[in-house]
């Protein structure tokens, strides 16, 4: 009994020693839906769903993985804010929502009246986001600016950000953001090359080659170097072969560990698309890689995705309509099927809905094909509410087990939006079909209906 008491006391002490932060506040005009605090570190991730009262008030104690930025996310409406979490902090968030126009679309943003610990971290996050390089330097401006001029402007902005950062009290935050800003500096400078695919600049070439890209300590920089090098040296169009990728990779690097890393990543991405030339792709990879674990994984992926190639029989799965009636993919046989896999909480998915409506109008009454949508929502009520509000005319289904469903497991769906197409005989046409917003979607569908 005494030993049990000691064990319980030890466990209690361990739990109490966990880093924690307390968040209180209120969401104005709370509409329901989940409110989540999402933490992601290099080693772990954590998602805490907050308990929110009907009037929008919340009071939550969050276990902190490490001092770092986290996302405070609302499901309804879909919006988020960045907050810096560290042990012992207390903050109050008074939240409302507003809309703004961005790239021709109206989006919802979270407006936070923040008080409490780490207010200066919150303010810096907001200011740093507002001064984002992508907005200040759109592609058109980059294309018209010499690299030396762009580099000078970026370095001035970075120095200004660092001066402001040093005024923030939290040492953990200053350290983390200094690392992030220095990483962003290199990425921002590389953007100059992405805007000028077919142009060269001696200043940029000297700069991108000025660090040791064969040193694994520079692996993040090596990725951008590899992107630039391959863009300059990789054959384009029909001249490109599976072998050409690895030939250029060997020219770019002489560190076999780095070669293995990029070769592993490349073959895994290629095999997951189940191309017709899977055999040739795998053979080209094995001729270069010296990583036995990577080769074993590539073989495993080949064995799995060979079953998902175009023309392979489609694995069946079940789905349910709004009335709860069960259907399977096999029930739709006799017509080609174009499937929109989506969820109400997925902004890019919802953005495709108007395009899906136009595509449906184009093929409405066409006996060759049927367009359907399959929701992966966990919250069935949110799905039903969306259907009631928008009244889509194409058939709507939901998978009860969302990302654990047979649909997602059979076809490796771990992100949405995702579009699939099967032919009238139940064979795979594409497991990553073009989106409805693609200007050539009708042309693509017609080609695959022949």
Protein backbone atom coordinates (compact mmCIF):
# COMPACT_ATOMS: atom_id res chain seq x y z
CA UNK A 1 0.00 0.00 0.00
CA UNK A 2 2.85 2.33 0.90
CA UNK A 3 4.57 1.55 -2.42
CA UNK A 4 1.34 2.34 -4.32
CA UNK A 5 1.09 5.68 -2.53
CA UNK A 6 4.67 6.49 -3.51
CA UNK A 7 3.95 5.59 -7.15
CA UNK A 8 0.83 7.76 -7.21
CA UNK A 9 2.74 10.65 -5.67
CA UNK A 10 5.51 10.28 -8.26
CA UNK A 11 3.00 10.23 -11.13
CA UNK A 12 1.22 13.28 -9.70
CA UNK A 13 4.52 15.16 -9.42
CA UNK A 14 5.42 14.28 -13.02
CA UNK A 15 2.06 15.55 -14.29
CA UNK A 16 2.33 18.77 -12.33
CA UNK A 17 5.79 19.44 -13.76
CA UNK A 18 4.50 19.56 -17.34
CA UNK A 19 4.83 22.95 -19.02
CA UNK A 20 1.42 24.60 -19.16
CA UNK A 21 -0.21 27.78 -20.43
CA UNK A 22 -3.64 29.15 -19.57
CA UNK A 23 -5.85 30.72 -22.24
CA UNK A 24 -9.09 32.50 -21.43
CA UNK A 25 -11.35 34.64 -23.56
CA UNK A 26 -14.53 34.92 -25.56
CA UNK A 27 -15.50 34.39 -29.20
CA UNK A 28 -17.98 37.03 -30.32
CA UNK A 29 -21.07 35.62 -32.06
CA UNK A 30 -19.87 32.06 -31.49
CA UNK A 31 -21.41 29.77 -34.15
CA UNK A 32 -20.36 26.42 -32.76
CA UNK A 33 -17.77 24.13 -34.28
CA UNK A 34 -14.41 23.11 -32.89
CA UNK A 35 -11.81 25.53 -31.54
CA UNK A 36 -8.34 24.03 -31.55
CA UNK A 37 -4.87 25.01 -30.32
CA UNK A 38 -2.39 23.31 -32.66
CA UNK A 39 1.26 22.91 -31.68
CA UNK A 40 3.87 21.46 -34.03
CA UNK A 41 7.56 21.01 -33.24
CA UNK A 42 10.37 19.15 -34.97
CA UNK A 43 9.74 16.17 -32.70
CA UNK A 44 6.04 16.13 -31.94
CA UNK A 45 2.62 17.69 -32.52
CA UNK A 46 -0.35 18.28 -30.25
CA UNK A 47 -3.93 19.37 -30.96
CA UNK A 48 -6.09 20.53 -28.03
CA UNK A 49 -9.82 21.03 -28.60
CA UNK A 50 -11.09 23.77 -26.30
CA UNK A 51 -14.40 23.60 -24.47
CA UNK A 52 -16.36 26.68 -25.55
CA UNK A 53 -19.63 27.71 -23.85
CA UNK A 54 -22.71 28.68 -25.84
CA UNK A 55 -21.91 32.37 -25.24
CA UNK A 56 -18.39 31.87 -26.67
CA UNK A 57 -16.43 31.92 -23.42
CA UNK A 58 -13.54 29.55 -22.82
CA UNK A 59 -10.99 28.88 -20.08
CA UNK A 60 -8.38 26.26 -20.96
CA UNK A 61 -5.08 25.03 -19.57
CA UNK A 62 -2.84 23.79 -22.39
CA UNK A 63 0.15 21.45 -22.01
CA UNK A 64 3.04 23.13 -23.86
CA UNK A 65 5.35 20.89 -25.91
CA UNK A 66 8.08 23.54 -26.00
CA UNK A 67 8.22 27.35 -26.17
CA UNK A 68 7.00 27.98 -29.72
CA UNK A 69 4.37 29.58 -31.91
CA UNK A 70 1.05 27.73 -32.03
CA UNK A 71 -2.13 28.18 -34.06
CA UNK A 72 -5.43 29.12 -32.42
CA UNK A 73 -7.95 27.81 -34.97
CA UNK A 74 -11.73 28.12 -35.25
CA UNK A 75 -13.75 25.75 -37.40
CA UNK A 76 -16.82 27.96 -37.87
CA UNK A 77 -15.87 30.28 -39.46
CA UNK A 78 -12.53 28.88 -40.61
CA UNK A 79 -9.86 31.28 -39.37
CA UNK A 80 -6.74 31.29 -37.22
CA UNK A 81 -4.26 33.40 -35.27
CA UNK A 82 -0.69 32.77 -34.13
CA UNK A 83 0.10 32.83 -30.40
CA UNK A 84 3.39 32.10 -28.64
CA UNK A 85 3.05 29.47 -25.91
CA UNK A 86 5.50 28.91 -23.07
CA UNK A 87 5.36 27.56 -19.56
CA UNK A 88 3.45 29.59 -16.98
CA UNK A 89 1.99 32.17 -19.35
CA UNK A 90 -1.58 33.45 -19.03
CA UNK A 91 -3.35 35.27 -21.83
CA UNK A 92 -6.85 36.49 -22.57
CA UNK A 93 -8.12 36.46 -26.17
CA UNK A 94 -11.19 38.48 -27.14
CA UNK A 95 -11.96 37.17 -30.61
CA UNK A 96 -14.12 38.48 -33.44
CA UNK A 97 -14.11 37.90 -37.19
CA UNK A 98 -13.98 40.15 -40.21
CA UNK A 99 -13.77 39.64 -43.94
CA UNK A 100 -11.32 41.02 -46.45
CA UNK A 101 -10.62 40.67 -50.15
CA UNK A 102 -7.55 38.67 -51.11
CA UNK A 103 -6.60 37.67 -54.67
CA UNK A 104 -10.12 38.24 -55.91
CA UNK A 105 -11.76 36.24 -53.11
CA UNK A 106 -13.40 37.21 -49.84
CA UNK A 107 -11.80 35.48 -46.87
CA UNK A 108 -12.50 35.48 -43.13
CA UNK A 109 -9.76 36.55 -40.74
CA UNK A 110 -9.58 36.27 -36.97
CA UNK A 111 -9.31 39.58 -35.14
CA UNK A 112 -7.82 39.16 -31.64
CA UNK A 113 -7.77 41.69 -28.80
CA UNK A 114 -4.88 40.14 -26.84
CA UNK A 115 -3.99 40.88 -23.23
CA UNK A 116 -1.69 39.14 -20.76
CA UNK A 117 1.71 37.47 -21.00
CA UNK A 118 3.60 37.47 -24.31
CA UNK A 119 1.55 40.33 -25.74
CA UNK A 120 4.74 41.65 -27.39
CA UNK A 121 5.25 38.21 -29.03
CA UNK A 122 1.71 38.35 -30.39
CA UNK A 123 2.22 41.86 -31.74
CA UNK A 124 5.52 40.90 -33.40
CA UNK A 125 3.90 37.86 -35.03
CA UNK A 126 1.17 40.06 -36.46
CA UNK A 127 3.60 42.74 -37.68
CA UNK A 128 5.96 40.15 -39.11
CA UNK A 129 3.10 38.51 -41.00
CA UNK A 130 1.87 41.89 -42.29
CA UNK A 131 5.34 42.66 -43.73
CA UNK A 132 5.45 39.36 -45.59
CA UNK A 133 7.91 39.27 -48.48
CA UNK A 134 5.39 37.58 -50.76
CA UNK A 135 3.09 40.61 -50.69
CA UNK A 136 5.88 43.18 -50.89
CA UNK A 137 7.57 41.38 -53.79
CA UNK A 138 5.03 39.80 -56.16
CA UNK A 139 6.36 37.82 -59.12
CA UNK A 140 5.97 40.76 -61.53
CA UNK A 141 8.14 43.01 -59.39
CA UNK A 142 10.75 40.31 -58.87
CA UNK A 143 11.00 39.68 -62.61
CA UNK A 144 11.80 43.34 -63.22
CA UNK A 145 14.42 43.72 -60.45
CA UNK A 146 18.14 42.80 -60.64
CA UNK A 147 19.19 40.34 -57.93
CA UNK A 148 21.68 42.72 -56.28
CA UNK A 149 18.95 45.34 -55.81
CA UNK A 150 16.49 42.76 -54.48
CA UNK A 151 19.08 41.28 -52.11
CA UNK A 152 19.87 44.71 -50.66
CA UNK A 153 16.14 45.40 -50.05
CA UNK A 154 15.60 42.03 -48.36
CA UNK A 155 18.63 42.45 -46.10
CA UNK A 156 17.41 45.90 -45.01
CA UNK A 157 13.98 44.42 -44.16
CA UNK A 158 15.56 41.53 -42.26
CA UNK A 159 17.75 43.85 -40.21
CA UNK A 160 14.73 46.03 -39.39
CA UNK A 161 12.83 42.94 -38.22
CA UNK A 162 15.72 41.78 -36.03
CA UNK A 163 16.05 45.20 -34.38
CA UNK A 164 12.33 45.10 -33.52
CA UNK A 165 12.61 41.50 -32.34
CA UNK A 166 15.30 42.34 -29.79
CA UNK A 167 12.74 44.50 -27.96
CA UNK A 168 10.59 41.42 -27.17
CA UNK A 169 10.97 40.20 -23.58
CA UNK A 170 10.82 36.41 -24.06
CA UNK A 171 14.27 34.96 -24.65
CA UNK A 172 12.71 31.76 -26.01
CA UNK A 173 10.74 33.76 -28.56
CA UNK A 174 13.72 35.90 -29.63
CA UNK A 175 15.80 32.80 -30.20
CA UNK A 176 13.10 30.95 -32.16
CA UNK A 177 12.17 33.93 -34.32
CA UNK A 178 15.79 34.85 -35.05
CA UNK A 179 16.26 31.36 -36.47
CA UNK A 180 13.03 31.65 -38.46
CA UNK A 181 13.89 35.08 -39.85
CA UNK A 182 17.35 33.96 -40.95
CA UNK A 183 15.80 30.94 -42.67
CA UNK A 184 13.23 33.20 -44.34
CA UNK A 185 16.02 35.47 -45.57
CA UNK A 186 17.58 32.66 -47.57
CA UNK A 187 14.19 31.48 -48.89
CA UNK A 188 13.18 35.01 -49.84
CA UNK A 189 16.40 35.52 -51.80
CA UNK A 190 15.86 32.24 -53.63
CA UNK A 191 12.43 33.45 -54.75
CA UNK A 192 14.23 35.76 -57.17
CA UNK A 193 15.30 32.72 -59.19
CA UNK A 194 11.83 31.16 -59.15
CA UNK A 195 10.51 34.31 -60.83
CA UNK A 196 13.15 34.09 -63.57
CA UNK A 197 13.16 30.48 -64.70
CA UNK A 198 14.76 31.18 -68.07
CA UNK A 199 17.12 33.98 -67.06
CA UNK A 200 20.51 34.02 -65.38
CA UNK A 201 22.24 36.59 -63.22
CA UNK A 202 25.92 36.34 -62.26
CA UNK A 203 25.24 37.92 -58.85
CA UNK A 204 22.63 35.29 -58.02
CA UNK A 205 24.77 32.43 -59.31
CA UNK A 206 27.72 33.52 -57.16
CA UNK A 207 25.47 33.92 -54.12
CA UNK A 208 23.69 30.53 -54.41
CA UNK A 209 27.06 28.80 -54.87
CA UNK A 210 28.74 30.63 -51.99
CA UNK A 211 27.95 28.00 -49.35
CA UNK A 212 29.00 24.35 -49.16
CA UNK A 213 25.96 22.55 -50.52
CA UNK A 214 27.65 19.19 -49.89
CA UNK A 215 27.68 19.83 -46.13
CA UNK A 216 24.71 18.13 -44.44
CA UNK A 217 24.65 21.01 -41.94
CA UNK A 218 23.39 23.14 -44.83
CA UNK A 219 20.66 20.71 -45.84
CA UNK A 220 17.89 23.36 -45.91
CA UNK A 221 19.97 25.57 -48.16
CA UNK A 222 20.93 22.56 -50.24
CA UNK A 223 17.28 22.02 -51.14
CA UNK A 224 17.00 25.48 -52.70
CA UNK A 225 20.37 25.04 -54.39
CA UNK A 226 19.16 21.75 -55.86
CA UNK A 227 15.96 23.36 -57.10
CA UNK A 228 17.96 26.11 -58.82
CA UNK A 229 20.56 23.71 -60.24
CA UNK A 230 18.01 21.25 -61.59
CA UNK A 231 15.98 24.09 -63.11
CA UNK A 232 19.10 25.13 -65.03
CA UNK A 233 20.28 21.67 -66.05
CA UNK A 234 17.29 19.30 -66.14
CA UNK A 235 16.03 18.39 -69.64
CA UNK A 236 12.52 19.65 -70.26
CA UNK A 237 9.50 18.13 -71.94
CA UNK A 238 9.86 14.86 -73.80
CA UNK A 239 13.67 14.92 -73.41
CA UNK A 240 13.33 14.27 -69.68
CA UNK A 241 13.72 10.63 -68.62
CA UNK A 242 13.86 8.84 -65.25
CA UNK A 243 17.62 8.55 -65.73
CA UNK A 244 18.09 12.28 -66.39
CA UNK A 245 16.93 13.25 -62.90
CA UNK A 246 19.60 11.13 -61.23
CA UNK A 247 22.29 12.17 -63.73
CA UNK A 248 21.74 15.82 -62.85
CA UNK A 249 21.55 14.97 -59.13
CA UNK A 250 24.99 13.37 -59.32
CA UNK A 251 26.39 16.46 -61.04
CA UNK A 252 24.92 18.79 -58.43
CA UNK A 253 26.27 16.93 -55.37
CA UNK A 254 29.20 14.70 -54.48
CA UNK A 255 27.99 13.83 -50.96
CA UNK A 256 26.33 10.43 -51.31
CA UNK A 257 24.20 10.99 -48.20
CA UNK A 258 22.62 14.05 -49.80
CA UNK A 259 22.23 12.23 -53.11
CA UNK A 260 20.49 9.39 -51.28
CA UNK A 261 18.16 11.78 -49.49
CA UNK A 262 16.98 13.51 -52.66
CA UNK A 263 16.84 10.24 -54.58
CA UNK A 264 14.72 8.66 -51.82
CA UNK A 265 12.33 11.60 -51.70
CA UNK A 266 12.03 11.70 -55.48
CA UNK A 267 11.31 8.02 -56.05
CA UNK A 268 8.79 7.91 -53.22
CA UNK A 269 6.87 10.86 -54.70
CA UNK A 270 7.04 9.35 -58.20
CA UNK A 271 5.82 5.90 -57.16
CA UNK A 272 2.90 7.35 -55.21
CA UNK A 273 1.60 8.77 -58.50
CA UNK A 274 1.65 5.22 -59.95
CA UNK A 275 2.98 6.26 -63.41
CA UNK A 276 2.93 3.87 -66.34
CA UNK A 277 6.75 3.65 -66.32
CA UNK A 278 7.08 2.58 -62.67
CA UNK A 279 9.52 -0.20 -63.60
CA UNK A 280 11.87 2.21 -65.36
CA UNK A 281 11.64 4.77 -62.54
CA UNK A 282 12.50 2.19 -59.87
CA UNK A 283 15.43 0.79 -61.87
CA UNK A 284 16.88 4.28 -62.43
CA UNK A 285 16.65 5.01 -58.71
CA UNK A 286 18.29 1.74 -57.65
CA UNK A 287 21.22 2.44 -59.96
CA UNK A 288 22.03 5.58 -57.92
CA UNK A 289 20.91 5.01 -54.33
CA UNK A 290 23.21 3.32 -51.81
CA UNK A 291 20.67 3.53 -49.00
CA UNK A 292 19.31 0.05 -48.18
CA UNK A 293 16.43 1.43 -46.10
CA UNK A 294 15.46 3.77 -48.91
CA UNK A 295 15.58 0.95 -51.45
CA UNK A 296 13.42 -1.25 -49.25
CA UNK A 297 10.85 1.53 -48.87
CA UNK A 298 10.88 2.18 -52.62
CA UNK A 299 10.23 -1.49 -53.29
CA UNK A 300 7.38 -1.50 -50.77
CA UNK A 301 5.81 1.52 -52.42
CA UNK A 302 6.23 -0.04 -55.85
CA UNK A 303 4.48 -3.24 -54.73
CA UNK A 304 1.61 -1.19 -53.25
CA UNK A 305 1.11 1.44 -55.96
CA UNK A 306 1.48 -0.95 -58.88
CA UNK A 307 -2.05 -1.99 -57.92
CA UNK A 308 -3.21 1.63 -58.29
CA UNK A 309 -1.95 2.31 -61.79
CA UNK A 310 -4.24 3.64 -64.46
CA UNK A 311 -6.40 0.78 -65.72
CA UNK A 312 -6.13 -1.27 -62.51
CA UNK A 313 -9.41 -2.49 -60.93
CA UNK A 314 -10.68 0.02 -58.39
CA UNK A 315 -10.88 -1.11 -54.77
CA UNK A 316 -14.42 -0.68 -53.44
CA UNK A 317 -15.47 1.53 -50.54
CA UNK A 318 -18.71 2.59 -48.87
CA UNK A 319 -20.31 5.99 -48.45
CA UNK A 320 -23.66 7.31 -47.26
CA UNK A 321 -26.09 9.87 -48.62
CA UNK A 322 -27.84 12.50 -46.54
CA UNK A 323 -30.67 10.08 -45.71
CA UNK A 324 -28.20 7.52 -44.37
CA UNK A 325 -28.52 5.14 -47.31
CA UNK A 326 -25.38 3.10 -47.95
CA UNK A 327 -23.71 3.10 -51.37
CA UNK A 328 -20.49 1.67 -52.76
CA UNK A 329 -18.36 2.64 -55.73
CA UNK A 330 -19.55 -0.53 -57.44
CA UNK A 331 -23.14 0.78 -57.26
CA UNK A 332 -22.12 3.53 -59.69
CA UNK A 333 -20.69 1.21 -62.30
CA UNK A 334 -21.92 1.76 -65.85
CA UNK A 335 -20.78 5.37 -65.95
CA UNK A 336 -17.43 7.02 -65.46
CA UNK A 337 -17.28 8.70 -62.05
CA UNK A 338 -15.49 11.96 -61.20
CA UNK A 339 -15.21 12.36 -57.42
CA UNK A 340 -14.59 15.46 -55.34
CA UNK A 341 -13.16 14.51 -51.91
CA UNK A 342 -13.67 17.50 -49.63
CA UNK A 343 -14.75 18.80 -46.19
CA UNK A 344 -16.56 21.90 -44.98
CA UNK A 345 -13.53 23.03 -42.94
CA UNK A 346 -11.18 22.89 -45.96
CA UNK A 347 -10.90 26.35 -47.54
CA UNK A 348 -9.34 25.19 -50.84
CA UNK A 349 -12.07 22.51 -51.08
CA UNK A 350 -14.85 25.04 -50.66
CA UNK A 351 -13.17 27.31 -53.22
CA UNK A 352 -13.61 24.53 -55.80
CA UNK A 353 -17.38 24.27 -55.24
CA UNK A 354 -18.42 26.98 -57.75
CA UNK A 355 -16.20 25.34 -60.37
CA UNK A 356 -17.68 21.95 -59.55
CA UNK A 357 -21.14 23.46 -60.10
CA UNK A 358 -20.13 24.68 -63.57
CA UNK A 359 -18.64 21.29 -64.40
CA UNK A 360 -21.83 19.59 -63.26
CA UNK A 361 -23.92 21.87 -65.49
CA UNK A 362 -21.69 20.96 -68.42
CA UNK A 363 -22.13 17.20 -67.91
CA UNK A 364 -25.68 17.22 -66.55
CA UNK A 365 -27.67 14.62 -68.48
CA UNK A 366 -24.54 13.10 -70.07
CA UNK A 367 -24.97 9.33 -69.81
CA UNK A 368 -21.22 8.72 -69.97
CA UNK A 369 -20.23 10.24 -66.62
CA UNK A 370 -21.48 11.16 -63.16
CA UNK A 371 -20.01 13.78 -60.85
CA UNK A 372 -20.25 13.21 -57.09
CA UNK A 373 -18.84 14.73 -53.91
CA UNK A 374 -17.72 12.75 -50.87
CA UNK A 375 -17.29 14.61 -47.59
CA UNK A 376 -14.63 13.61 -45.08
CA UNK A 377 -16.17 15.74 -42.33
CA UNK A 378 -16.13 14.40 -38.78
CA UNK A 379 -18.91 16.84 -37.96
CA UNK A 380 -21.92 15.52 -39.89
CA UNK A 381 -24.05 18.48 -38.81
CA UNK A 382 -21.59 20.92 -40.40
CA UNK A 383 -21.86 18.92 -43.64
CA UNK A 384 -25.66 18.89 -43.55
CA UNK A 385 -25.74 22.61 -42.75
CA UNK A 386 -23.53 23.33 -45.76
CA UNK A 387 -25.75 21.27 -48.07
CA UNK A 388 -28.88 23.00 -46.78
CA UNK A 389 -27.37 26.43 -47.35
CA UNK A 390 -25.88 25.83 -50.81
CA UNK A 391 -28.16 23.09 -52.26
CA UNK A 392 -25.63 21.52 -54.65
CA UNK A 393 -27.29 19.63 -57.51
CA UNK A 394 -24.71 16.84 -57.90
CA UNK A 395 -24.94 13.82 -55.61
CA UNK A 396 -23.51 14.23 -52.13
CA UNK A 397 -22.09 11.50 -49.88
CA UNK A 398 -20.13 11.27 -46.63
CA UNK A 399 -17.64 8.70 -45.37
CA UNK A 400 -18.41 7.94 -41.71
CA UNK A 401 -14.79 7.21 -40.80
CA UNK A 402 -13.40 10.25 -42.68
CA UNK A 403 -9.60 9.80 -43.09
CA UNK A 404 -9.78 6.31 -41.59
CA UNK A 405 -12.33 5.24 -44.19
CA UNK A 406 -11.72 2.59 -46.83
CA UNK A 407 -11.82 5.36 -49.44
CA UNK A 408 -8.85 7.14 -47.87
CA UNK A 409 -6.93 3.99 -47.02
CA UNK A 410 -7.44 2.38 -50.43
CA UNK A 411 -6.33 5.48 -52.30
CA UNK A 412 -3.87 7.04 -49.84
CA UNK A 413 -5.88 10.20 -49.32
CA UNK A 414 -4.20 12.12 -46.51
CA UNK A 415 -4.96 15.62 -47.75
CA UNK A 416 -7.79 17.42 -49.51
CA UNK A 417 -9.06 18.65 -51.88
CA UNK A 418 -8.47 15.51 -53.90
CA UNK A 419 -10.18 14.48 -57.13
CA UNK A 420 -10.47 10.93 -58.45
CA UNK A 421 -11.82 9.44 -61.65
CA UNK A 422 -12.86 5.88 -62.48
CA UNK A 423 -14.14 4.55 -65.80
CA UNK A 424 -17.49 2.88 -66.47
CA UNK A 425 -16.01 -0.57 -65.86
CA UNK A 426 -14.74 0.37 -62.41
CA UNK A 427 -11.10 0.82 -63.39
CA UNK A 428 -8.79 3.57 -62.21
CA UNK A 429 -8.42 6.55 -64.52
CA UNK A 430 -6.68 8.89 -62.10
CA UNK A 431 -6.19 9.13 -58.34
CA UNK A 432 -5.07 12.74 -58.63
CA UNK A 433 -7.31 14.17 -61.32
CA UNK A 434 -7.25 17.87 -62.26
CA UNK A 435 -9.44 20.14 -60.17
CA UNK A 436 -12.69 21.57 -61.55
CA UNK A 437 -11.01 25.00 -61.58
CA UNK A 438 -8.42 23.75 -64.07
CA UNK A 439 -9.10 25.55 -67.34
CA UNK A 440 -8.54 22.29 -69.25
CA UNK A 441 -10.67 20.05 -67.03
CA UNK A 442 -13.34 19.39 -69.69
CA UNK A 443 -10.66 18.59 -72.26
CA UNK A 444 -9.03 16.20 -69.77
CA UNK A 445 -12.30 14.45 -68.93
CA UNK A 446 -13.25 14.10 -72.60
CA UNK A 447 -9.89 12.55 -73.37
CA UNK A 448 -10.41 9.98 -70.62
CA UNK A 449 -13.98 9.20 -71.62
CA UNK A 450 -12.86 7.91 -75.01
